[in-house]
Amino acid sequence: MLNWLKNLFGSPTQYIPPPSIDKMTHLCHKLDTIFHKLEKHIELGVSTKCLDEKARLFIKESDVTPAFLGYRGYPAAITASVNDEVINTLPSTRQLNRGDLLKLQIGIRDKEACVYQGWTYAIGELTSSDKQLTRTCMRALRAATSKCVSGNKVSKISQAIQNIFKLGHVSACREYVGHGIGRYLHLPPEIPCYISIDQSETSCVDEGMFLSVVVIGISGKPNLRRTDDAWNVITKDGSRSATFTRIIQVGKEAKVLTR
């Protein structure tokens, strides 16, 4: 299964103990703070390059390292995808226009752990279709979160997302998925936004595990393509997408570490 984070950051070849809950909570709190600071600059007319510059400053002020910058040549601290751009979009001089949907991803790390988050922002008033898309994705994220409890099968999390998408007439992104997180940005298990044929019914989430639940919904068909810059992934039919992610610690109840 294709996954950008897996391709970009790789996966460990042997078991590595997860970071402590205190470490992950502290790092997630820093990430939330960085997002809150950057959100003040998301406005009509701002360029995504400017947002990247601000993000680098806020990351430095937080005494952590950008998790994306420099890895395999990626030249930015954030990904900033707009409208039909789904993921991996390089920041540029492109200015945000009224009605745009901005999907922002930021990753940070220190010597012990790494975390990242993605969120979707409306620039001005949205169309009814975009409102339906973003609301459906948010509902799917909440539904998936409720299933991140110890002993539950991964398929239950995926099913929760798929059910909400079906009700909201939203297509699930099939090439980029949620996953475990901690020492590395990408760890098992993979958590699709849909039930896949090869998804193991015996795969369960264990108490204490950290998950990055990734919800990516598309208003049209889920077919994607990569642009000439080798990073940006867009929808083939020009339809819009929305992304919402959060980091969760699995337990008897799901503990949300980011927003």
Protein backbone atom coordinates (compact mmCIF):
# COMPACT_ATOMS: atom_id res chain seq x y z
CA MET A 1 0.00 0.00 0.00
CA LEU A 2 1.50 3.34 -1.07
CA ASN A 3 2.02 5.81 1.76
CA TRP A 4 3.89 9.10 1.51
CA LEU A 5 5.14 9.08 5.06
CA LYS A 6 6.43 5.55 4.66
CA ASN A 7 8.19 6.44 1.42
CA LEU A 8 9.57 9.69 2.77
CA PHE A 9 10.67 8.72 6.25
CA GLY A 10 10.96 4.96 6.06
CA SER A 11 10.15 2.35 8.67
CA PRO A 12 12.35 0.56 11.20
CA THR A 13 13.39 -3.00 10.43
CA GLN A 14 13.18 -4.14 14.06
CA TYR A 15 11.02 -3.45 17.09
CA ILE A 16 11.83 -0.22 18.92
CA PRO A 17 10.12 0.59 22.24
CA PRO A 18 7.68 3.52 22.02
CA PRO A 19 8.51 6.87 23.64
CA SER A 20 7.03 7.62 27.03
CA ILE A 21 3.57 9.15 27.23
CA ASP A 22 5.12 12.21 28.86
CA LYS A 23 7.49 12.66 25.91
CA MET A 24 4.73 12.28 23.32
CA THR A 25 2.35 14.55 25.24
CA HIS A 26 5.03 17.23 25.54
CA LEU A 27 5.94 17.04 21.85
CA CYS A 28 2.28 17.09 20.77
CA HIS A 29 1.69 20.14 22.95
CA LYS A 30 4.54 21.90 21.15
CA LEU A 31 3.04 20.94 17.81
CA ASP A 32 -0.36 22.31 18.82
CA THR A 33 1.28 25.57 19.88
CA ILE A 34 3.04 25.85 16.53
CA PHE A 35 -0.27 25.30 14.71
CA HIS A 36 -2.06 27.90 16.83
CA LYS A 37 0.67 30.47 16.10
CA LEU A 38 0.65 29.74 12.38
CA GLU A 39 -3.15 29.85 12.13
CA LYS A 40 -3.03 33.56 12.91
CA HIS A 41 -1.23 34.06 9.59
CA ILE A 42 -3.56 31.96 7.42
CA GLU A 43 -5.52 34.60 5.58
CA LEU A 44 -6.56 35.87 2.18
CA GLY A 45 -3.54 36.87 0.06
CA VAL A 46 -0.82 35.16 2.09
CA SER A 47 1.55 32.87 0.19
CA THR A 48 2.20 29.30 1.28
CA LYS A 49 5.92 30.13 1.17
CA CYS A 50 5.31 32.79 3.80
CA LEU A 51 3.52 30.19 5.95
CA ASP A 52 6.53 27.90 5.62
CA GLU A 53 8.86 30.67 6.75
CA LYS A 54 6.66 31.40 9.75
CA ALA A 55 6.47 27.69 10.60
CA ARG A 56 10.26 27.38 10.58
CA LEU A 57 10.49 30.29 13.01
CA PHE A 58 7.87 28.85 15.37
CA ILE A 59 9.50 25.41 15.25
CA LYS A 60 12.86 26.94 16.15
CA GLU A 61 11.28 28.89 19.01
CA SER A 62 9.86 25.59 20.32
CA ASP A 63 13.38 24.08 20.47
CA VAL A 64 12.53 21.18 18.15
CA THR A 65 13.51 20.22 14.59
CA PRO A 66 11.35 20.23 11.43
CA ALA A 67 10.65 16.58 10.69
CA PHE A 68 10.10 17.11 6.96
CA LEU A 69 12.85 19.60 6.08
CA GLY A 70 15.78 18.08 4.22
CA TYR A 71 14.66 14.47 4.21
CA ARG A 72 15.35 12.96 0.79
CA GLY A 73 15.70 16.48 -0.49
CA TYR A 74 12.34 17.82 0.68
CA PRO A 75 13.04 21.57 0.89
CA ALA A 76 10.37 22.81 3.31
CA ALA A 77 9.13 22.50 6.88
CA ILE A 78 5.47 22.13 5.87
CA THR A 79 3.34 20.76 3.09
CA ALA A 80 0.68 23.20 1.89
CA SER A 81 -1.89 21.67 -0.47
CA VAL A 82 -4.71 23.77 -1.92
CA ASN A 83 -8.03 22.63 -3.43
CA ASP A 84 -7.35 19.66 -5.77
CA GLU A 85 -3.87 19.21 -4.29
CA VAL A 86 -4.10 16.32 -1.85
CA ILE A 87 -0.71 15.97 -0.17
CA ASN A 88 3.03 16.76 -0.39
CA THR A 89 2.60 20.17 -2.03
CA LEU A 90 5.70 22.35 -1.78
CA PRO A 91 5.17 25.85 -0.38
CA SER A 92 5.41 28.49 -3.10
CA THR A 93 4.62 32.10 -3.94
CA ARG A 94 1.03 31.04 -4.62
CA GLN A 95 -1.32 33.28 -2.67
CA LEU A 96 -4.43 32.00 -0.95
CA ASN A 97 -7.66 33.12 -2.60
CA ARG A 98 -11.21 33.42 -1.33
CA GLY A 99 -12.88 30.00 -1.30
CA ASP A 100 -9.64 28.00 -1.18
CA LEU A 101 -9.24 24.87 0.92
CA LEU A 102 -5.76 24.76 2.46
CA LYS A 103 -4.44 21.44 3.77
CA LEU A 104 -1.52 22.14 6.06
CA GLN A 105 0.85 19.50 7.44
CA ILE A 106 3.63 20.13 9.95
CA GLY A 107 6.01 17.60 11.49
CA ILE A 108 8.47 18.07 14.35
CA ARG A 109 10.97 15.85 16.10
CA ASP A 110 13.55 15.75 18.85
CA LYS A 111 16.11 13.07 19.75
CA GLU A 112 13.50 10.69 21.15
CA ALA A 113 10.30 11.03 19.14
CA CYS A 114 8.52 12.65 16.24
CA VAL A 115 4.95 13.80 15.63
CA TYR A 116 3.04 15.48 12.82
CA GLN A 117 -0.42 16.75 12.12
CA GLY A 118 -2.54 17.82 9.17
CA TRP A 119 -5.53 20.15 9.18
CA THR A 120 -7.79 21.82 6.63
CA TYR A 121 -8.55 25.54 6.61
CA ALA A 122 -11.21 27.47 4.73
CA ILE A 123 -10.13 30.75 3.18
CA GLY A 124 -13.28 32.86 3.35
CA GLU A 125 -16.72 31.42 2.67
CA LEU A 126 -16.90 27.88 1.31
CA THR A 127 -19.34 26.39 -1.17
CA SER A 128 -21.98 23.98 0.12
CA SER A 129 -19.99 21.12 -1.45
CA ASP A 130 -16.80 22.08 0.40
CA LYS A 131 -18.71 22.47 3.65
CA GLN A 132 -20.14 18.98 3.19
CA LEU A 133 -16.66 17.61 2.47
CA THR A 134 -14.94 19.17 5.50
CA ARG A 135 -17.79 18.37 7.89
CA THR A 136 -17.88 14.77 6.74
CA CYS A 137 -14.12 14.41 7.24
CA MET A 138 -14.35 15.88 10.73
CA ARG A 139 -17.16 13.49 11.65
CA ALA A 140 -15.10 10.61 10.28
CA LEU A 141 -12.13 11.66 12.42
CA ARG A 142 -14.27 11.69 15.55
CA ALA A 143 -15.76 8.31 14.67
CA ALA A 144 -12.32 6.81 14.06
CA THR A 145 -10.99 8.24 17.34
CA SER A 146 -13.71 6.46 19.31
CA LYS A 147 -12.51 3.11 17.90
CA CYS A 148 -8.87 3.56 18.98
CA VAL A 149 -9.23 1.45 22.11
CA SER A 150 -7.07 -1.44 23.25
CA GLY A 151 -7.87 -4.76 21.62
CA ASN A 152 -9.90 -3.26 18.81
CA LYS A 153 -9.15 -4.38 15.28
CA VAL A 154 -7.64 -1.89 12.86
CA SER A 155 -10.49 -2.70 10.51
CA LYS A 156 -12.94 -1.25 13.05
CA ILE A 157 -11.17 2.12 12.80
CA SER A 158 -11.21 1.98 8.99
CA GLN A 159 -14.84 0.90 8.98
CA ALA A 160 -15.82 3.89 11.13
CA ILE A 161 -14.27 6.27 8.58
CA GLN A 162 -15.76 4.44 5.61
CA ASN A 163 -19.26 4.48 7.10
CA ILE A 164 -19.20 8.25 7.60
CA PHE A 165 -17.76 8.82 4.13
CA LYS A 166 -20.54 6.75 2.60
CA LEU A 167 -23.21 8.77 4.38
CA GLY A 168 -21.58 12.04 3.30
CA HIS A 169 -20.98 10.94 -0.32
CA VAL A 170 -17.21 11.41 0.05
CA SER A 171 -14.53 9.22 -1.57
CA ALA A 172 -11.80 7.78 0.62
CA CYS A 173 -8.21 8.44 -0.36
CA ARG A 174 -6.74 4.98 -1.01
CA GLU A 175 -3.04 5.75 -1.43
CA TYR A 176 -2.24 7.56 1.83
CA VAL A 177 -3.18 6.10 5.19
CA GLY A 178 -2.94 6.48 8.94
CA HIS A 179 -0.36 4.53 10.92
CA GLY A 180 1.50 4.05 14.15
CA ILE A 181 3.88 6.82 15.26
CA GLY A 182 6.54 7.43 17.91
CA ARG A 183 10.27 6.92 17.39
CA TYR A 184 9.57 7.09 13.66
CA LEU A 185 6.93 9.02 11.75
CA HIS A 186 5.64 5.83 10.18
CA LEU A 187 5.15 2.61 12.16
CA PRO A 188 2.75 -0.33 11.93
CA PRO A 189 -0.15 -0.72 11.73
CA GLU A 190 -1.38 1.01 8.59
CA ILE A 191 -4.89 2.43 9.03
CA PRO A 192 -6.70 3.08 5.73
CA CYS A 193 -9.77 5.27 5.39
CA TYR A 194 -11.62 2.28 3.97
CA ILE A 195 -11.81 -1.49 4.38
CA SER A 196 -9.21 -3.06 2.11
CA ILE A 197 -9.25 -6.65 0.90
CA ASP A 198 -5.75 -7.33 2.26
CA GLN A 199 -6.39 -5.69 5.65
CA SER A 200 -5.68 -8.29 8.31
CA GLU A 201 -8.67 -9.03 10.49
CA THR A 202 -6.31 -10.25 13.21
CA SER A 203 -4.42 -6.94 13.47
CA CYS A 204 -5.35 -5.17 16.71
CA VAL A 205 -4.21 -1.98 18.39
CA ASP A 206 -2.57 -2.49 21.78
CA GLU A 207 -2.73 -0.45 24.95
CA GLY A 208 -0.06 2.25 25.03
CA MET A 209 0.36 2.32 21.26
CA PHE A 210 0.50 5.74 19.58
CA LEU A 211 -1.51 6.18 16.40
CA SER A 212 -1.67 8.90 13.79
CA VAL A 213 -5.24 8.70 12.52
CA VAL A 214 -5.30 10.24 9.04
CA VAL A 215 -8.60 11.12 7.37
CA ILE A 216 -8.36 12.22 3.73
CA GLY A 217 -11.64 12.65 1.89
CA ILE A 218 -12.19 13.59 -1.75
CA SER A 219 -15.32 15.19 -3.18
CA GLY A 220 -14.97 13.39 -6.52
CA LYS A 221 -13.25 10.22 -7.67
CA PRO A 222 -10.29 9.00 -5.57
CA ASN A 223 -7.85 8.66 -8.49
CA LEU A 224 -4.63 10.63 -7.95
CA ARG A 225 -1.55 11.60 -9.91
CA ARG A 226 1.81 13.13 -9.11
CA THR A 227 2.81 16.41 -10.77
CA ASP A 228 6.08 17.14 -12.56
CA ASP A 229 7.85 18.37 -9.42
CA ALA A 230 7.79 14.75 -8.12
CA TRP A 231 6.23 15.82 -4.80
CA ASN A 232 2.77 17.25 -5.26
CA VAL A 233 -0.12 14.77 -5.47
CA ILE A 234 -3.42 15.98 -6.97
CA THR A 235 -6.79 14.51 -7.92
CA LYS A 236 -7.04 13.44 -11.55
CA ASP A 237 -10.51 14.89 -12.01
CA GLY A 238 -9.76 18.22 -10.32
CA SER A 239 -12.04 17.53 -7.36
CA ARG A 240 -11.18 18.92 -3.94
CA SER A 241 -9.90 17.11 -0.90
CA ALA A 242 -9.79 17.69 2.85
CA THR A 243 -7.39 16.29 5.43
CA PHE A 244 -7.69 15.99 9.21
CA THR A 245 -5.30 14.03 11.42
CA ARG A 246 -4.69 13.59 15.12
CA ILE A 247 -2.36 11.60 17.35
CA ILE A 248 -3.98 9.22 19.80
CA GLN A 249 -2.72 6.97 22.57
CA VAL A 250 -4.58 3.67 22.66
CA GLY A 251 -6.06 2.62 26.00
CA LYS A 252 -9.35 1.56 27.52
CA GLU A 253 -10.43 4.92 26.15
CA ALA A 254 -8.73 6.78 23.30
CA LYS A 255 -6.54 9.61 24.59
CA VAL A 256 -6.26 12.46 22.07
CA LEU A 257 -2.81 14.07 22.24
CA THR A 258 -3.36 16.70 19.56
CA ARG A 259 -6.48 18.67 18.72
